[in-house]
PDB file of N, CA and C in Angstrom:
ATOM      1  N   UNK A   1     148.785  32.493  16.204  1.00  0.00           N
ATOM      2  CA  UNK A   1     148.178  32.720  17.503  1.00  0.00           C
ATOM      3  C   UNK A   1     148.986  33.718  18.322  1.00  0.00           C
ATOM      4  N   UNK A   2     150.294  33.591  18.298  1.00  0.00           N
ATOM      5  CA  UNK A   2     151.154  34.500  19.047  1.00  0.00           C
ATOM      6  C   UNK A   2     151.010  35.924  18.523  1.00  0.00           C
ATOM      7  N   UNK A   3     150.946  36.063  17.187  1.00  0.00           N
ATOM      8  CA  UNK A   3     150.801  37.386  16.591  1.00  0.00           C
ATOM      9  C   UNK A   3     149.492  38.030  17.044  1.00  0.00           C
ATOM     10  N   UNK A   4     148.431  37.244  17.072  1.00  0.00           N
ATOM     11  CA  UNK A   4     147.139  37.756  17.519  1.00  0.00           C
ATOM     12  C   UNK A   4     147.228  38.192  18.988  1.00  0.00           C
ATOM     13  N   UNK A   5     147.884  37.389  19.808  1.00  0.00           N
ATOM     14  CA  UNK A   5     148.055  37.724  21.220  1.00  0.00           C
ATOM     15  C   UNK A   5     148.838  39.024  21.363  1.00  0.00           C
ATOM     16  N   UNK A   6     149.925  39.143  20.602  1.00  0.00           N
ATOM     17  CA  UNK A   6     150.743  40.358  20.669  1.00  0.00           C
ATOM     18  C   UNK A   6     149.930  41.585  20.282  1.00  0.00           C
ATOM     19  N   UNK A   7     149.110  41.484  19.246  1.00  0.00           N
ATOM     20  CA  UNK A   7     148.285  42.629  18.830  1.00  0.00           C
ATOM     21  C   UNK A   7     147.313  43.021  19.933  1.00  0.00           C
ATOM     22  N   UNK A   8     146.696  42.050  20.554  1.00  0.00           N
ATOM     23  CA  UNK A   8     145.744  42.346  21.627  1.00  0.00           C
ATOM     24  C   UNK A   8     146.438  42.979  22.820  1.00  0.00           C
ATOM     25  N   UNK A   9     147.660  42.560  23.077  1.00  0.00           N
ATOM     26  CA  UNK A   9     148.394  43.073  24.233  1.00  0.00           C
ATOM     27  C   UNK A   9     148.826  44.513  24.001  1.00  0.00           C
ATOM     28  N   UNK A  10     149.165  44.873  22.777  1.00  0.00           N
ATOM     29  CA  UNK A  10     149.669  46.203  22.471  1.00  0.00           C
ATOM     30  C   UNK A  10     148.523  47.194  22.279  1.00  0.00           C
ATOM     31  N   UNK A  11     147.435  46.780  21.691  1.00  0.00           N
ATOM     32  CA  UNK A  11     146.344  47.696  21.370  1.00  0.00           C
ATOM     33  C   UNK A  11     145.817  48.491  22.563  1.00  0.00           C
ATOM     34  N   UNK A  12     145.609  47.889  23.739  1.00  0.00           N
ATOM     35  CA  UNK A  12     145.128  48.707  24.860  1.00  0.00           C
ATOM     36  C   UNK A  12     146.077  49.855  25.198  1.00  0.00           C
ATOM     37  N   UNK A  13     147.370  49.623  25.055  1.00  0.00           N
ATOM     38  CA  UNK A  13     148.353  50.671  25.318  1.00  0.00           C
ATOM     39  C   UNK A  13     148.195  51.807  24.315  1.00  0.00           C
ATOM     40  N   UNK A  14     148.055  51.471  23.047  1.00  0.00           N
ATOM     41  CA  UNK A  14     147.869  52.501  22.024  1.00  0.00           C
ATOM     42  C   UNK A  14     146.579  53.260  22.266  1.00  0.00           C
ATOM     43  N   UNK A  15     145.526  52.538  22.659  1.00  0.00           N
ATOM     44  CA  UNK A  15     144.245  53.180  22.943  1.00  0.00           C
ATOM     45  C   UNK A  15     144.385  54.153  24.101  1.00  0.00           C
ATOM     46  N   UNK A  16     145.097  53.747  25.149  1.00  0.00           N
ATOM     47  CA  UNK A  16     145.287  54.621  26.314  1.00  0.00           C
ATOM     48  C   UNK A  16     146.048  55.882  25.929  1.00  0.00           C
ATOM     49  N   UNK A  17     147.061  55.739  25.087  1.00  0.00           N
ATOM     50  CA  UNK A  17     147.830  56.911  24.659  1.00  0.00           C
ATOM     51  C   UNK A  17     146.991  57.823  23.782  1.00  0.00           C
ATOM     52  N   UNK A  18     146.170  57.241  22.924  1.00  0.00           N
ATOM     53  CA  UNK A  18     145.286  58.040  22.081  1.00  0.00           C
ATOM     54  C   UNK A  18     144.287  58.796  22.954  1.00  0.00           C
ATOM     55  N   UNK A  19     143.730  58.108  23.951  1.00  0.00           N
ATOM     56  CA  UNK A  19     142.772  58.752  24.844  1.00  0.00           C
ATOM     57  C   UNK A  19     143.451  59.885  25.614  1.00  0.00           C
ATOM     58  N   UNK A  20     144.705  59.682  26.017  1.00  0.00           N
ATOM     59  CA  UNK A  20     145.451  60.726  26.710  1.00  0.00           C
ATOM     60  C   UNK A  20     145.583  61.959  25.822  1.00  0.00           C
ATOM     61  N   UNK A  21     145.874  61.757  24.550  1.00  0.00           N
ATOM     62  CA  UNK A  21     145.963  62.872  23.610  1.00  0.00           C
ATOM     63  C   UNK A  21     144.619  63.573  23.473  1.00  0.00           C
ATOM     64  N   UNK A  22     143.547  62.796  23.385  1.00  0.00           N
ATOM     65  CA  UNK A  22     142.217  63.386  23.262  1.00  0.00           C
ATOM     66  C   UNK A  22     141.854  64.176  24.518  1.00  0.00           C
ATOM     67  N   UNK A  23     142.193  63.656  25.691  1.00  0.00           N
ATOM     68  CA  UNK A  23     141.944  64.388  26.938  1.00  0.00           C
ATOM     69  C   UNK A  23     142.689  65.715  26.907  1.00  0.00           C
ATOM     70  N   UNK A  24     143.936  65.674  26.466  1.00  0.00           N
ATOM     71  CA  UNK A  24     144.732  66.898  26.353  1.00  0.00           C
ATOM     72  C   UNK A  24     144.031  67.890  25.434  1.00  0.00           C
ATOM     73  N   UNK A  25     143.599  67.427  24.271  1.00  0.00           N
ATOM     74  CA  UNK A  25     142.920  68.304  23.314  1.00  0.00           C
ATOM     75  C   UNK A  25     141.640  68.874  23.905  1.00  0.00           C
ATOM     76  N   UNK A  26     140.868  68.051  24.597  1.00  0.00           N
ATOM     77  CA  UNK A  26     139.630  68.520  25.218  1.00  0.00           C
ATOM     78  C   UNK A  26     139.932  69.621  26.232  1.00  0.00           C
ATOM     79  N   UNK A  27     140.930  69.409  27.072  1.00  0.00           N
ATOM     80  CA  UNK A  27     141.283  70.432  28.063  1.00  0.00           C
ATOM     81  C   UNK A  27     141.731  71.716  27.378  1.00  0.00           C
ATOM     82  N   UNK A  28     142.554  71.601  26.351  1.00  0.00           N
ATOM     83  CA  UNK A  28     143.018  72.799  25.648  1.00  0.00           C
ATOM     84  C   UNK A  28     141.841  73.551  25.021  1.00  0.00           C
ATOM     85  N   UNK A  29     140.895  72.842  24.445  1.00  0.00           N
ATOM     86  CA  UNK A  29     139.739  73.495  23.839  1.00  0.00           C
ATOM     87  C   UNK A  29     138.834  74.113  24.906  1.00  0.00           C
ATOM     88  N   UNK A  30     138.711  73.459  26.050  1.00  0.00           N
ATOM     89  CA  UNK A  30     137.976  74.070  27.162  1.00  0.00           C
ATOM     90  C   UNK A  30     138.652  75.366  27.595  1.00  0.00           C
ATOM     91  N   UNK A  31     139.973  75.346  27.640  1.00  0.00           N
ATOM     92  CA  UNK A  31     140.719  76.547  28.028  1.00  0.00           C
ATOM     93  C   UNK A  31     140.506  77.677  27.021  1.00  0.00           C
ATOM     94  N   UNK A  32     140.207  77.319  25.782  1.00  0.00           N
ATOM     95  CA  UNK A  32     139.947  78.326  24.747  1.00  0.00           C
ATOM     96  C   UNK A  32     138.474  78.732  24.695  1.00  0.00           C
ATOM     97  N   UNK A  33     137.680  78.268  25.654  1.00  0.00           N
ATOM     98  CA  UNK A  33     136.298  78.694  25.762  1.00  0.00           C
ATOM     99  C   UNK A  33     135.317  77.937  24.882  1.00  0.00           C
ATOM    100  N   UNK A  34     135.733  76.806  24.331  1.00  0.00           N
ATOM    101  CA  UNK A  34     134.839  76.024  23.455  1.00  0.00           C
ATOM    102  C   UNK A  34     133.807  75.263  24.289  1.00  0.00           C
ATOM    103  N   UNK A  35     132.616  75.092  23.722  1.00  0.00           N
ATOM    104  CA  UNK A  35     131.594  74.282  24.394  1.00  0.00           C
ATOM    105  C   UNK A  35     131.644  72.856  23.846  1.00  0.00           C
ATOM    106  N   UNK A  36     130.792  71.998  24.385  1.00  0.00           N
ATOM    107  CA  UNK A  36     130.789  70.580  24.013  1.00  0.00           C
ATOM    108  C   UNK A  36     130.613  70.385  22.517  1.00  0.00           C
ATOM    109  N   UNK A  37     129.666  71.096  21.937  1.00  0.00           N
ATOM    110  CA  UNK A  37     129.371  70.942  20.511  1.00  0.00           C
ATOM    111  C   UNK A  37     130.579  71.338  19.657  1.00  0.00           C
ATOM    112  N   UNK A  38     131.241  72.447  20.011  1.00  0.00           N
ATOM    113  CA  UNK A  38     132.415  72.896  19.258  1.00  0.00           C
ATOM    114  C   UNK A  38     133.569  71.906  19.381  1.00  0.00           C
ATOM    115  N   UNK A  39     133.775  71.401  20.592  1.00  0.00           N
ATOM    116  CA  UNK A  39     134.855  70.425  20.811  1.00  0.00           C
ATOM    117  C   UNK A  39     134.582  69.160  20.006  1.00  0.00           C
ATOM    118  N   UNK A  40     133.347  68.694  20.056  1.00  0.00           N
ATOM    119  CA  UNK A  40     132.970  67.490  19.311  1.00  0.00           C
ATOM    120  C   UNK A  40     133.218  67.675  17.815  1.00  0.00           C
ATOM    121  N   UNK A  41     132.830  68.813  17.305  1.00  0.00           N
ATOM    122  CA  UNK A  41     133.012  69.087  15.880  1.00  0.00           C
ATOM    123  C   UNK A  41     134.495  69.141  15.516  1.00  0.00           C
ATOM    124  N   UNK A  42     135.273  69.813  16.332  1.00  0.00           N
ATOM    125  CA  UNK A  42     136.698  69.970  16.041  1.00  0.00           C
ATOM    126  C   UNK A  42     137.466  68.657  16.133  1.00  0.00           C
ATOM    127  N   UNK A  43     137.085  67.792  17.059  1.00  0.00           N
ATOM    128  CA  UNK A  43     137.803  66.534  17.256  1.00  0.00           C
ATOM    129  C   UNK A  43     137.144  65.349  16.551  1.00  0.00           C
ATOM    130  N   UNK A  44     136.064  65.621  15.799  1.00  0.00           N
ATOM    131  CA  UNK A  44     135.336  64.570  15.077  1.00  0.00           C
ATOM    132  C   UNK A  44     134.844  63.475  16.021  1.00  0.00           C
ATOM    133  N   UNK A  45     134.264  63.911  17.135  1.00  0.00           N
ATOM    134  CA  UNK A  45     133.694  63.003  18.133  1.00  0.00           C
ATOM    135  C   UNK A  45     132.227  63.363  18.319  1.00  0.00           C
ATOM    136  N   UNK A  46     131.487  62.480  18.943  1.00  0.00           N
ATOM    137  CA  UNK A  46     130.100  62.828  19.270  1.00  0.00           C
ATOM    138  C   UNK A  46     130.099  63.723  20.512  1.00  0.00           C
ATOM    139  N   UNK A  47     129.037  64.496  20.660  1.00  0.00           N
ATOM    140  CA  UNK A  47     128.905  65.351  21.841  1.00  0.00           C
ATOM    141  C   UNK A  47     128.874  64.496  23.109  1.00  0.00           C
ATOM    142  N   UNK A  48     128.232  63.317  23.028  1.00  0.00           N
ATOM    143  CA  UNK A  48     128.181  62.419  24.173  1.00  0.00           C
ATOM    144  C   UNK A  48     129.586  61.993  24.604  1.00  0.00           C
ATOM    145  N   UNK A  49     130.433  61.662  23.638  1.00  0.00           N
ATOM    146  CA  UNK A  49     131.808  61.249  23.941  1.00  0.00           C
ATOM    147  C   UNK A  49     132.567  62.387  24.603  1.00  0.00           C
ATOM    148  N   UNK A  50     132.408  63.589  24.086  1.00  0.00           N
ATOM    149  CA  UNK A  50     133.094  64.745  24.678  1.00  0.00           C
ATOM    150  C   UNK A  50     132.619  64.961  26.115  1.00  0.00           C
ATOM    151  N   UNK A  51     131.303  64.885  26.345  1.00  0.00           N
ATOM    152  CA  UNK A  51     130.784  65.036  27.707  1.00  0.00           C
ATOM    153  C   UNK A  51     131.367  63.967  28.627  1.00  0.00           C
ATOM    154  N   UNK A  52     131.452  62.748  28.126  1.00  0.00           N
ATOM    155  CA  UNK A  52     132.017  61.651  28.896  1.00  0.00           C
ATOM    156  C   UNK A  52     133.486  61.927  29.220  1.00  0.00           C
ATOM    157  N   UNK A  53     134.254  62.372  28.240  1.00  0.00           N
ATOM    158  CA  UNK A  53     135.668  62.690  28.475  1.00  0.00           C
ATOM    159  C   UNK A  53     135.811  63.799  29.506  1.00  0.00           C
ATOM    160  N   UNK A  54     134.978  64.837  29.392  1.00  0.00           N
ATOM    161  CA  UNK A  54     135.061  65.943  30.353  1.00  0.00           C
ATOM    162  C   UNK A  54     134.742  65.433  31.756  1.00  0.00           C
ATOM    163  N   UNK A  55     133.742  64.572  31.856  1.00  0.00           N
ATOM    164  CA  UNK A  55     133.400  63.999  33.158  1.00  0.00           C
ATOM    165  C   UNK A  55     134.574  63.187  33.715  1.00  0.00           C
ATOM    166  N   UNK A  56     135.219  62.398  32.872  1.00  0.00           N
ATOM    167  CA  UNK A  56     136.369  61.593  33.300  1.00  0.00           C
ATOM    168  C   UNK A  56     137.515  62.494  33.747  1.00  0.00           C
ATOM    169  N   UNK A  57     137.743  63.582  33.018  1.00  0.00           N
ATOM    170  CA  UNK A  57     138.798  64.528  33.382  1.00  0.00           C
ATOM    171  C   UNK A  57     138.483  65.172  34.727  1.00  0.00           C
ATOM    172  N   UNK A  58     137.220  65.574  34.922  1.00  0.00           N
ATOM    173  CA  UNK A  58     136.822  66.186  36.193  1.00  0.00           C
ATOM    174  C   UNK A  58     137.022  65.217  37.354  1.00  0.00           C
ATOM    175  N   UNK A  59     136.686  63.942  37.124  1.00  0.00           N
ATOM    176  CA  UNK A  59     136.901  62.935  38.171  1.00  0.00           C
ATOM    177  C   UNK A  59     138.381  62.784  38.492  1.00  0.00           C
ATOM    178  N   UNK A  60     139.208  62.722  37.441  1.00  0.00           N
ATOM    179  CA  UNK A  60     140.655  62.568  37.651  1.00  0.00           C
ATOM    180  C   UNK A  60     141.235  63.743  38.429  1.00  0.00           C
ATOM    181  N   UNK A  61     140.775  64.954  38.106  1.00  0.00           N
ATOM    182  CA  UNK A  61     141.288  66.158  38.767  1.00  0.00           C
ATOM    183  C   UNK A  61     140.570  66.445  40.083  1.00  0.00           C
ATOM    184  N   UNK A  62     139.532  65.663  40.369  1.00  0.00           N
ATOM    185  CA  UNK A  62     138.743  65.835  41.589  1.00  0.00           C
ATOM    186  C   UNK A  62     138.139  67.240  41.672  1.00  0.00           C
ATOM    187  N   UNK A  63     137.520  67.655  40.563  1.00  0.00           N
ATOM    188  CA  UNK A  63     136.837  68.948  40.506  1.00  0.00           C
ATOM    189  C   UNK A  63     135.395  68.724  40.055  1.00  0.00           C
ATOM    190  N   UNK A  64     134.565  69.764  40.211  1.00  0.00           N
ATOM    191  CA  UNK A  64     133.135  69.599  39.942  1.00  0.00           C
ATOM    192  C   UNK A  64     132.631  70.307  38.694  1.00  0.00           C
ATOM    193  N   UNK A  65     133.373  71.267  38.163  1.00  0.00           N
ATOM    194  CA  UNK A  65     132.890  72.015  37.003  1.00  0.00           C
ATOM    195  C   UNK A  65     133.971  72.146  35.936  1.00  0.00           C
ATOM    196  N   UNK A  66     133.543  72.505  34.748  1.00  0.00           N
ATOM    197  CA  UNK A  66     134.480  72.748  33.647  1.00  0.00           C
ATOM    198  C   UNK A  66     135.401  73.919  33.966  1.00  0.00           C
ATOM    199  N   UNK A  67     134.854  74.914  34.633  1.00  0.00           N
ATOM    200  CA  UNK A  67     135.673  76.068  35.017  1.00  0.00           C
ATOM    201  C   UNK A  67     136.783  75.615  35.951  1.00  0.00           C
ATOM    202  N   UNK A  68     136.464  74.696  36.863  1.00  0.00           N
ATOM    203  CA  UNK A  68     137.485  74.148  37.751  1.00  0.00           C
ATOM    204  C   UNK A  68     138.561  73.405  36.961  1.00  0.00           C
ATOM    205  N   UNK A  69     138.161  72.697  35.910  1.00  0.00           N
ATOM    206  CA  UNK A  69     139.131  72.001  35.054  1.00  0.00           C
ATOM    207  C   UNK A  69     140.086  73.019  34.437  1.00  0.00           C
ATOM    208  N   UNK A  70     139.530  74.092  33.891  1.00  0.00           N
ATOM    209  CA  UNK A  70     140.358  75.123  33.256  1.00  0.00           C
ATOM    210  C   UNK A  70     141.289  75.760  34.277  1.00  0.00           C
ATOM    211  N   UNK A  71     140.760  76.110  35.445  1.00  0.00           N
ATOM    212  CA  UNK A  71     141.594  76.721  36.485  1.00  0.00           C
ATOM    213  C   UNK A  71     142.695  75.777  36.940  1.00  0.00           C
ATOM    214  N   UNK A  72     142.347  74.514  37.128  1.00  0.00           N
ATOM    215  CA  UNK A  72     143.338  73.522  37.548  1.00  0.00           C
ATOM    216  C   UNK A  72     144.409  73.348  36.470  1.00  0.00           C
ATOM    217  N   UNK A  73     143.982  73.292  35.214  1.00  0.00           N
ATOM    218  CA  UNK A  73     144.937  73.127  34.113  1.00  0.00           C
ATOM    219  C   UNK A  73     145.883  74.319  34.061  1.00  0.00           C
ATOM    220  N   UNK A  74     145.367  75.506  34.267  1.00  0.00           N
ATOM    221  CA  UNK A  74     146.237  76.693  34.267  1.00  0.00           C
ATOM    222  C   UNK A  74     147.199  76.659  35.433  1.00  0.00           C
ATOM    223  N   UNK A  75     146.714  76.253  36.608  1.00  0.00           N
ATOM    224  CA  UNK A  75     147.589  76.153  37.783  1.00  0.00           C
ATOM    225  C   UNK A  75     148.699  75.137  37.544  1.00  0.00           C
ATOM    226  N   UNK A  76     148.333  74.030  36.925  1.00  0.00           N
ATOM    227  CA  UNK A  76     149.303  72.962  36.698  1.00  0.00           C
ATOM    228  C   UNK A  76     150.188  73.247  35.488  1.00  0.00           C
ATOM    229  N   UNK A  77     149.937  74.371  34.829  1.00  0.00           N
ATOM    230  CA  UNK A  77     150.634  74.708  33.596  1.00  0.00           C
ATOM    231  C   UNK A  77     150.538  73.552  32.608  1.00  0.00           C
ATOM    232  N   UNK A  78     149.312  73.125  32.397  1.00  0.00           N
ATOM    233  CA  UNK A  78     148.996  71.980  31.537  1.00  0.00           C
ATOM    234  C   UNK A  78     149.032  72.399  30.087  1.00  0.00           C
ATOM    235  N   UNK A  79     150.213  72.874  29.653  1.00  0.00           N
ATOM    236  CA  UNK A  79     150.302  73.426  28.317  1.00  0.00           C
ATOM    237  C   UNK A  79     151.400  72.727  27.521  1.00  0.00           C
ATOM    238  N   UNK A  80     151.700  71.464  27.852  1.00  0.00           N
ATOM    239  CA  UNK A  80     152.678  70.750  27.046  1.00  0.00           C
ATOM    240  C   UNK A  80     152.059  70.453  25.700  1.00  0.00           C
ATOM    241  N   UNK A  81     152.885  70.461  24.687  1.00  0.00           N
ATOM    242  CA  UNK A  81     152.373  70.333  23.315  1.00  0.00           C
ATOM    243  C   UNK A  81     152.187  68.874  22.919  1.00  0.00           C
ATOM    244  N   UNK A  82     151.234  68.656  22.040  1.00  0.00           N
ATOM    245  CA  UNK A  82     151.002  67.308  21.531  1.00  0.00           C
ATOM    246  C   UNK A  82     152.249  66.812  20.822  1.00  0.00           C
ATOM    247  N   UNK A  83     152.953  67.698  20.158  1.00  0.00           N
ATOM    248  CA  UNK A  83     154.176  67.282  19.468  1.00  0.00           C
ATOM    249  C   UNK A  83     155.211  66.765  20.457  1.00  0.00           C
ATOM    250  N   UNK A  84     155.287  67.351  21.645  1.00  0.00           N
ATOM    251  CA  UNK A  84     156.206  66.853  22.667  1.00  0.00           C
ATOM    252  C   UNK A  84     155.756  65.486  23.156  1.00  0.00           C
ATOM    253  N   UNK A  85     154.452  65.307  23.284  1.00  0.00           N
ATOM    254  CA  UNK A  85     153.928  64.013  23.696  1.00  0.00           C
ATOM    255  C   UNK A  85     154.274  62.948  22.664  1.00  0.00           C
ATOM    256  N   UNK A  86     154.117  63.281  21.388  1.00  0.00           N
ATOM    257  CA  UNK A  86     154.363  62.285  20.348  1.00  0.00           C
ATOM    258  C   UNK A  86     155.848  61.984  20.201  1.00  0.00           C
ATOM    259  N   UNK A  87     156.702  62.860  20.720  1.00  0.00           N
ATOM    260  CA  UNK A  87     158.136  62.612  20.645  1.00  0.00           C
ATOM    261  C   UNK A  87     158.522  61.379  21.467  1.00  0.00           C
ATOM    262  N   UNK A  88     157.871  61.192  22.614  1.00  0.00           N
ATOM    263  CA  UNK A  88     158.206  60.029  23.445  1.00  0.00           C
ATOM    264  C   UNK A  88     157.158  58.942  23.359  1.00  0.00           C
ATOM    265  N   UNK A  89     156.202  59.116  22.483  1.00  0.00           N
ATOM    266  CA  UNK A  89     155.136  58.136  22.317  1.00  0.00           C
ATOM    267  C   UNK A  89     155.048  57.731  20.857  1.00  0.00           C
ATOM    268  N   UNK A  90     155.038  56.455  20.588  1.00  0.00           N
ATOM    269  CA  UNK A  90     154.889  55.984  19.218  1.00  0.00           C
ATOM    270  C   UNK A  90     153.516  55.369  19.060  1.00  0.00           C
ATOM    271  N   UNK A  91     152.635  56.086  18.356  1.00  0.00           N
ATOM    272  CA  UNK A  91     151.286  55.562  18.138  1.00  0.00           C
ATOM    273  C   UNK A  91     151.180  54.840  16.810  1.00  0.00           C
ATOM    274  N   UNK A  92     152.235  54.886  16.010  1.00  0.00           N
ATOM    275  CA  UNK A  92     152.175  54.281  14.694  1.00  0.00           C
ATOM    276  C   UNK A  92     152.498  52.872  14.750  1.00  0.00           C
TER     277      UNK A  92
END
């Protein structure tokens, strides 16, 4: 029972970190001019999921368009590498 509890407690954290990585990837692909279909294909996600992620990112950044996301990301120098993220994050 304790092992099951521990797994449930840890899994949301891993999911949040995975989602953070996916958000990063989505923003980077938007910065490279990719559309929803291209991003979905590259990340092996559905187009609906990508649209949902983009909407969540726009809400977090308090912007209204994808162009605003790209401009905000450039202003914030949102170019940290996934490898740097994985250095302080253990998803395994």
